[in-house]
Amino acid sequence: MDTTPLPSTTGAYIKTLKLIHLALLAGQVFFLAVAWFLRSTGAFPAPFEEWTIFLLAVLLITASAISAGLFIFKQRMDAIAGSKALADKLTDYRAAAIVKYALAEGPSFFAVVAYLLTGNMIILGIAVAIIAYFATMWPTVGKMSSEMNLTPDEKMKLENQETQL
């Protein structure tokens, strides 16, 4: 369990979680842009002729990692549905979300490296799709309360940006 202290209010907690997500998303987009620039300017050596093995590896790693991330996240959400305090639920949610983010971010980086090595536009398209999927994980109050199965009282506390944790 993550023992890092939570921000003092629910508003600060949500802002922190959004900042984590944004930083991870920006890293992926930046790496993709650099790879595309290197490939398009010819600054990277000639691509591998055999790109199908990279395509298969990208697809296998993407399917495996994202599925594992969703499975682990679901397991952790089921575990916090008990009678814990809201602060404990938020701590567990943050840890579970970071695991889910990491398991979606990894295939994105792998796909970009595969594109960099092969220059194959299909692999580039897969990398863009993974990044787009990652962007859909943007944390919102509604999504968080739904995923944690919060009670109406807990949901109201989460929506109130000034609630002390």
C-alpha atoms as a PDB file:
ATOM      1  CA  MET A   1       0.000   0.000   0.000  1.00  0.00           C
ATOM      2  CA  ASP A   2       1.160   3.508  -0.831  1.00  0.00           C
ATOM      3  CA  THR A   3       2.070   5.388   2.361  1.00  0.00           C
ATOM      4  CA  THR A   4       2.697   8.800   0.798  1.00  0.00           C
ATOM      5  CA  PRO A   5       0.471  11.311   2.591  1.00  0.00           C
ATOM      6  CA  LEU A   6      -2.523  12.667   0.724  1.00  0.00           C
ATOM      7  CA  PRO A   7      -2.946  16.345  -0.055  1.00  0.00           C
ATOM      8  CA  SER A   8      -5.003  18.107   2.612  1.00  0.00           C
ATOM      9  CA  THR A   9      -8.244  18.550   0.612  1.00  0.00           C
ATOM     10  CA  THR A  10     -10.127  16.550  -1.986  1.00  0.00           C
ATOM     11  CA  GLY A  11      -9.576  19.357  -4.495  1.00  0.00           C
ATOM     12  CA  ALA A  12      -5.807  19.165  -3.982  1.00  0.00           C
ATOM     13  CA  TYR A  13      -5.948  15.367  -4.232  1.00  0.00           C
ATOM     14  CA  ILE A  14      -7.759  15.475  -7.573  1.00  0.00           C
ATOM     15  CA  LYS A  15      -5.418  18.187  -8.870  1.00  0.00           C
ATOM     16  CA  THR A  16      -2.393  16.056  -7.893  1.00  0.00           C
ATOM     17  CA  LEU A  17      -3.789  12.964  -9.609  1.00  0.00           C
ATOM     18  CA  LYS A  18      -4.518  14.985 -12.750  1.00  0.00           C
ATOM     19  CA  LEU A  19      -0.988  16.377 -12.686  1.00  0.00           C
ATOM     20  CA  ILE A  20       0.467  12.851 -12.495  1.00  0.00           C
ATOM     21  CA  HIS A  21      -1.672  11.766 -15.443  1.00  0.00           C
ATOM     22  CA  LEU A  22      -0.773  14.856 -17.459  1.00  0.00           C
ATOM     23  CA  ALA A  23       2.957  14.387 -16.835  1.00  0.00           C
ATOM     24  CA  LEU A  24       2.809  10.765 -17.980  1.00  0.00           C
ATOM     25  CA  LEU A  25       0.768  11.716 -21.040  1.00  0.00           C
ATOM     26  CA  ALA A  26       3.109  14.581 -21.942  1.00  0.00           C
ATOM     27  CA  GLY A  27       6.118  12.267 -21.703  1.00  0.00           C
ATOM     28  CA  GLN A  28       4.558   9.864 -24.189  1.00  0.00           C
ATOM     29  CA  VAL A  29       3.589  12.618 -26.615  1.00  0.00           C
ATOM     30  CA  PHE A  30       7.026  14.229 -26.394  1.00  0.00           C
ATOM     31  CA  PHE A  31       8.819  10.903 -26.995  1.00  0.00           C
ATOM     32  CA  LEU A  32       6.552  10.190 -29.979  1.00  0.00           C
ATOM     33  CA  ALA A  33       7.238  13.653 -31.428  1.00  0.00           C
ATOM     34  CA  VAL A  34      11.007  13.234 -31.050  1.00  0.00           C
ATOM     35  CA  ALA A  35      10.885   9.772 -32.661  1.00  0.00           C
ATOM     36  CA  TRP A  36       8.787  11.058 -35.545  1.00  0.00           C
ATOM     37  CA  PHE A  37      11.152  14.001 -36.038  1.00  0.00           C
ATOM     38  CA  LEU A  38      14.222  11.733 -36.042  1.00  0.00           C
ATOM     39  CA  ARG A  39      12.575   9.357 -38.515  1.00  0.00           C
ATOM     40  CA  SER A  40      11.233  12.057 -40.830  1.00  0.00           C
ATOM     41  CA  THR A  41      14.495  14.006 -41.038  1.00  0.00           C
ATOM     42  CA  GLY A  42      16.598  10.918 -41.693  1.00  0.00           C
ATOM     43  CA  ALA A  43      18.607  11.523 -38.527  1.00  0.00           C
ATOM     44  CA  PHE A  44      18.035   7.913 -37.475  1.00  0.00           C
ATOM     45  CA  PRO A  45      19.789   5.036 -39.289  1.00  0.00           C
ATOM     46  CA  ALA A  46      18.025   3.047 -42.011  1.00  0.00           C
ATOM     47  CA  PRO A  47      15.049   1.076 -40.725  1.00  0.00           C
ATOM     48  CA  PHE A  48      14.976  -2.667 -40.194  1.00  0.00           C
ATOM     49  CA  GLU A  49      13.583  -4.406 -43.252  1.00  0.00           C
ATOM     50  CA  GLU A  50      11.750  -7.028 -41.196  1.00  0.00           C
ATOM     51  CA  TRP A  51       9.115  -5.104 -39.245  1.00  0.00           C
ATOM     52  CA  THR A  52       6.445  -7.790 -38.791  1.00  0.00           C
ATOM     53  CA  ILE A  53       8.105  -9.233 -35.696  1.00  0.00           C
ATOM     54  CA  PHE A  54       8.053  -5.758 -34.157  1.00  0.00           C
ATOM     55  CA  LEU A  55       4.389  -5.379 -35.072  1.00  0.00           C
ATOM     56  CA  LEU A  56       3.536  -8.700 -33.437  1.00  0.00           C
ATOM     57  CA  ALA A  57       5.555  -7.813 -30.330  1.00  0.00           C
ATOM     58  CA  VAL A  58       3.855  -4.414 -30.055  1.00  0.00           C
ATOM     59  CA  LEU A  59       0.409  -5.985 -30.351  1.00  0.00           C
ATOM     60  CA  LEU A  60       1.177  -8.747 -27.849  1.00  0.00           C
ATOM     61  CA  ILE A  61       2.776  -6.435 -25.287  1.00  0.00           C
ATOM     62  CA  THR A  62      -0.002  -3.867 -25.663  1.00  0.00           C
ATOM     63  CA  ALA A  63      -2.797  -6.399 -25.215  1.00  0.00           C
ATOM     64  CA  SER A  64      -1.061  -8.080 -22.281  1.00  0.00           C
ATOM     65  CA  ALA A  65      -0.050  -4.953 -20.387  1.00  0.00           C
ATOM     66  CA  ILE A  66      -3.313  -3.064 -20.798  1.00  0.00           C
ATOM     67  CA  SER A  67      -5.339  -6.150 -19.861  1.00  0.00           C
ATOM     68  CA  ALA A  68      -3.146  -6.703 -16.804  1.00  0.00           C
ATOM     69  CA  GLY A  69      -3.509  -3.047 -15.815  1.00  0.00           C
ATOM     70  CA  LEU A  70      -7.277  -3.178 -16.054  1.00  0.00           C
ATOM     71  CA  PHE A  71      -7.404  -6.482 -14.152  1.00  0.00           C
ATOM     72  CA  ILE A  72      -5.185  -5.219 -11.331  1.00  0.00           C
ATOM     73  CA  PHE A  73      -7.120  -1.954 -11.166  1.00  0.00           C
ATOM     74  CA  LYS A  74     -10.444  -3.815 -10.946  1.00  0.00           C
ATOM     75  CA  GLN A  75      -9.082  -6.082  -8.204  1.00  0.00           C
ATOM     76  CA  ARG A  76      -7.922  -3.094  -6.186  1.00  0.00           C
ATOM     77  CA  MET A  77     -11.227  -1.275  -6.674  1.00  0.00           C
ATOM     78  CA  ASP A  78     -13.092  -4.334  -5.420  1.00  0.00           C
ATOM     79  CA  ALA A  79     -10.806  -4.431  -2.368  1.00  0.00           C
ATOM     80  CA  ILE A  80     -11.491  -0.803  -1.378  1.00  0.00           C
ATOM     81  CA  ALA A  81     -15.270  -1.101  -1.636  1.00  0.00           C
ATOM     82  CA  GLY A  82     -15.369  -2.068   2.042  1.00  0.00           C
ATOM     83  CA  SER A  83     -15.954   0.201   4.975  1.00  0.00           C
ATOM     84  CA  LYS A  84     -12.692   2.170   4.835  1.00  0.00           C
ATOM     85  CA  ALA A  85     -12.498   5.896   5.438  1.00  0.00           C
ATOM     86  CA  LEU A  86     -12.555   8.115   2.349  1.00  0.00           C
ATOM     87  CA  ALA A  87      -8.906   9.130   2.838  1.00  0.00           C
ATOM     88  CA  ASP A  88      -7.851   5.463   2.820  1.00  0.00           C
ATOM     89  CA  LYS A  89      -9.928   4.809  -0.286  1.00  0.00           C
ATOM     90  CA  LEU A  90      -8.290   7.745  -2.045  1.00  0.00           C
ATOM     91  CA  THR A  91      -4.811   6.522  -1.090  1.00  0.00           C
ATOM     92  CA  ASP A  92      -5.613   3.073  -2.484  1.00  0.00           C
ATOM     93  CA  TYR A  93      -7.206   4.605  -5.585  1.00  0.00           C
ATOM     94  CA  ARG A  94      -4.092   6.654  -6.321  1.00  0.00           C
ATOM     95  CA  ALA A  95      -1.862   3.575  -6.052  1.00  0.00           C
ATOM     96  CA  ALA A  96      -4.179   1.551  -8.300  1.00  0.00           C
ATOM     97  CA  ALA A  97      -4.436   4.360 -10.856  1.00  0.00           C
ATOM     98  CA  ILE A  98      -0.658   4.712 -11.059  1.00  0.00           C
ATOM     99  CA  VAL A  99      -0.320   0.977 -11.719  1.00  0.00           C
ATOM    100  CA  LYS A 100      -2.974   1.212 -14.440  1.00  0.00           C
ATOM    101  CA  TYR A 101      -1.236   4.240 -15.953  1.00  0.00           C
ATOM    102  CA  ALA A 102       2.169   2.539 -15.915  1.00  0.00           C
ATOM    103  CA  LEU A 103       0.837  -0.588 -17.589  1.00  0.00           C
ATOM    104  CA  ALA A 104      -0.686   1.532 -20.357  1.00  0.00           C
ATOM    105  CA  GLU A 105       2.334   3.792 -20.701  1.00  0.00           C
ATOM    106  CA  GLY A 106       4.858   0.964 -21.147  1.00  0.00           C
ATOM    107  CA  PRO A 107       3.387  -0.364 -24.413  1.00  0.00           C
ATOM    108  CA  SER A 108       3.250   3.174 -25.751  1.00  0.00           C
ATOM    109  CA  PHE A 109       6.994   3.632 -25.245  1.00  0.00           C
ATOM    110  CA  PHE A 110       7.682   0.191 -26.696  1.00  0.00           C
ATOM    111  CA  ALA A 111       5.600   0.992 -29.776  1.00  0.00           C
ATOM    112  CA  VAL A 112       7.439   4.285 -30.280  1.00  0.00           C
ATOM    113  CA  VAL A 113      10.808   2.512 -30.038  1.00  0.00           C
ATOM    114  CA  ALA A 114       9.573  -0.107 -32.529  1.00  0.00           C
ATOM    115  CA  TYR A 115       8.518   2.700 -34.864  1.00  0.00           C
ATOM    116  CA  LEU A 116      11.888   4.366 -34.424  1.00  0.00           C
ATOM    117  CA  LEU A 117      13.643   1.127 -35.366  1.00  0.00           C
ATOM    118  CA  THR A 118      11.380   0.176 -38.271  1.00  0.00           C
ATOM    119  CA  GLY A 119       9.919   3.408 -39.600  1.00  0.00           C
ATOM    120  CA  ASN A 120       6.646   1.509 -40.071  1.00  0.00           C
ATOM    121  CA  MET A 121       3.583   3.753 -40.083  1.00  0.00           C
ATOM    122  CA  ILE A 122       1.289   0.980 -38.797  1.00  0.00           C
ATOM    123  CA  ILE A 123       3.360   0.758 -35.630  1.00  0.00           C
ATOM    124  CA  LEU A 124       3.283   4.549 -35.374  1.00  0.00           C
ATOM    125  CA  GLY A 125      -0.513   4.393 -35.646  1.00  0.00           C
ATOM    126  CA  ILE A 126      -0.656   1.836 -32.846  1.00  0.00           C
ATOM    127  CA  ALA A 127       1.509   4.092 -30.666  1.00  0.00           C
ATOM    128  CA  VAL A 128      -0.852   7.011 -31.332  1.00  0.00           C
ATOM    129  CA  ALA A 129      -3.850   4.791 -30.493  1.00  0.00           C
ATOM    130  CA  ILE A 130      -2.267   3.720 -27.205  1.00  0.00           C
ATOM    131  CA  ILE A 131      -1.570   7.350 -26.303  1.00  0.00           C
ATOM    132  CA  ALA A 132      -5.169   8.257 -27.189  1.00  0.00           C
ATOM    133  CA  TYR A 133      -6.392   5.417 -24.958  1.00  0.00           C
ATOM    134  CA  PHE A 134      -4.144   6.705 -22.171  1.00  0.00           C
ATOM    135  CA  ALA A 135      -5.657  10.172 -22.575  1.00  0.00           C
ATOM    136  CA  THR A 136      -9.128   8.696 -21.941  1.00  0.00           C
ATOM    137  CA  MET A 137      -7.979   7.671 -18.457  1.00  0.00           C
ATOM    138  CA  TRP A 138      -8.072  11.340 -17.377  1.00  0.00           C
ATOM    139  CA  PRO A 139      -9.209  11.323 -13.730  1.00  0.00           C
ATOM    140  CA  THR A 140     -12.520  13.040 -13.023  1.00  0.00           C
ATOM    141  CA  VAL A 141     -14.632  13.116  -9.880  1.00  0.00           C
ATOM    142  CA  GLY A 142     -17.446  11.218 -11.586  1.00  0.00           C
ATOM    143  CA  LYS A 143     -15.155   8.524 -12.914  1.00  0.00           C
ATOM    144  CA  MET A 144     -13.383   8.152  -9.577  1.00  0.00           C
ATOM    145  CA  SER A 145     -16.571   7.899  -7.540  1.00  0.00           C
ATOM    146  CA  SER A 146     -17.984   5.364  -9.983  1.00  0.00           C
ATOM    147  CA  GLU A 147     -14.834   3.219 -10.015  1.00  0.00           C
ATOM    148  CA  MET A 148     -14.578   3.254  -6.219  1.00  0.00           C
ATOM    149  CA  ASN A 149     -18.322   2.635  -5.727  1.00  0.00           C
ATOM    150  CA  LEU A 150     -18.543   5.517  -3.266  1.00  0.00           C
ATOM    151  CA  THR A 151     -21.581   6.065  -1.119  1.00  0.00           C
ATOM    152  CA  PRO A 152     -23.611   9.223  -1.837  1.00  0.00           C
ATOM    153  CA  ASP A 153     -22.085  10.870   1.249  1.00  0.00           C
ATOM    154  CA  GLU A 154     -18.534  10.016   0.145  1.00  0.00           C
ATOM    155  CA  LYS A 155     -19.292  11.191  -3.386  1.00  0.00           C
ATOM    156  CA  MET A 156     -20.536  14.507  -2.004  1.00  0.00           C
ATOM    157  CA  LYS A 157     -17.326  14.873   0.054  1.00  0.00           C
ATOM    158  CA  LEU A 158     -15.226  14.122  -3.052  1.00  0.00           C
ATOM    159  CA  GLU A 159     -17.144  16.653  -5.149  1.00  0.00           C
ATOM    160  CA  ASN A 160     -16.686  19.346  -2.476  1.00  0.00           C
ATOM    161  CA  GLN A 161     -13.203  20.623  -3.313  1.00  0.00           C
ATOM    162  CA  GLU A 162     -12.708  21.956   0.224  1.00  0.00           C
ATOM    163  CA  THR A 163     -13.345  18.705   2.120  1.00  0.00           C
ATOM    164  CA  GLN A 164     -10.457  18.018   4.507  1.00  0.00           C
ATOM    165  CA  LEU A 165      -8.875  14.563   4.321  1.00  0.00           C
END
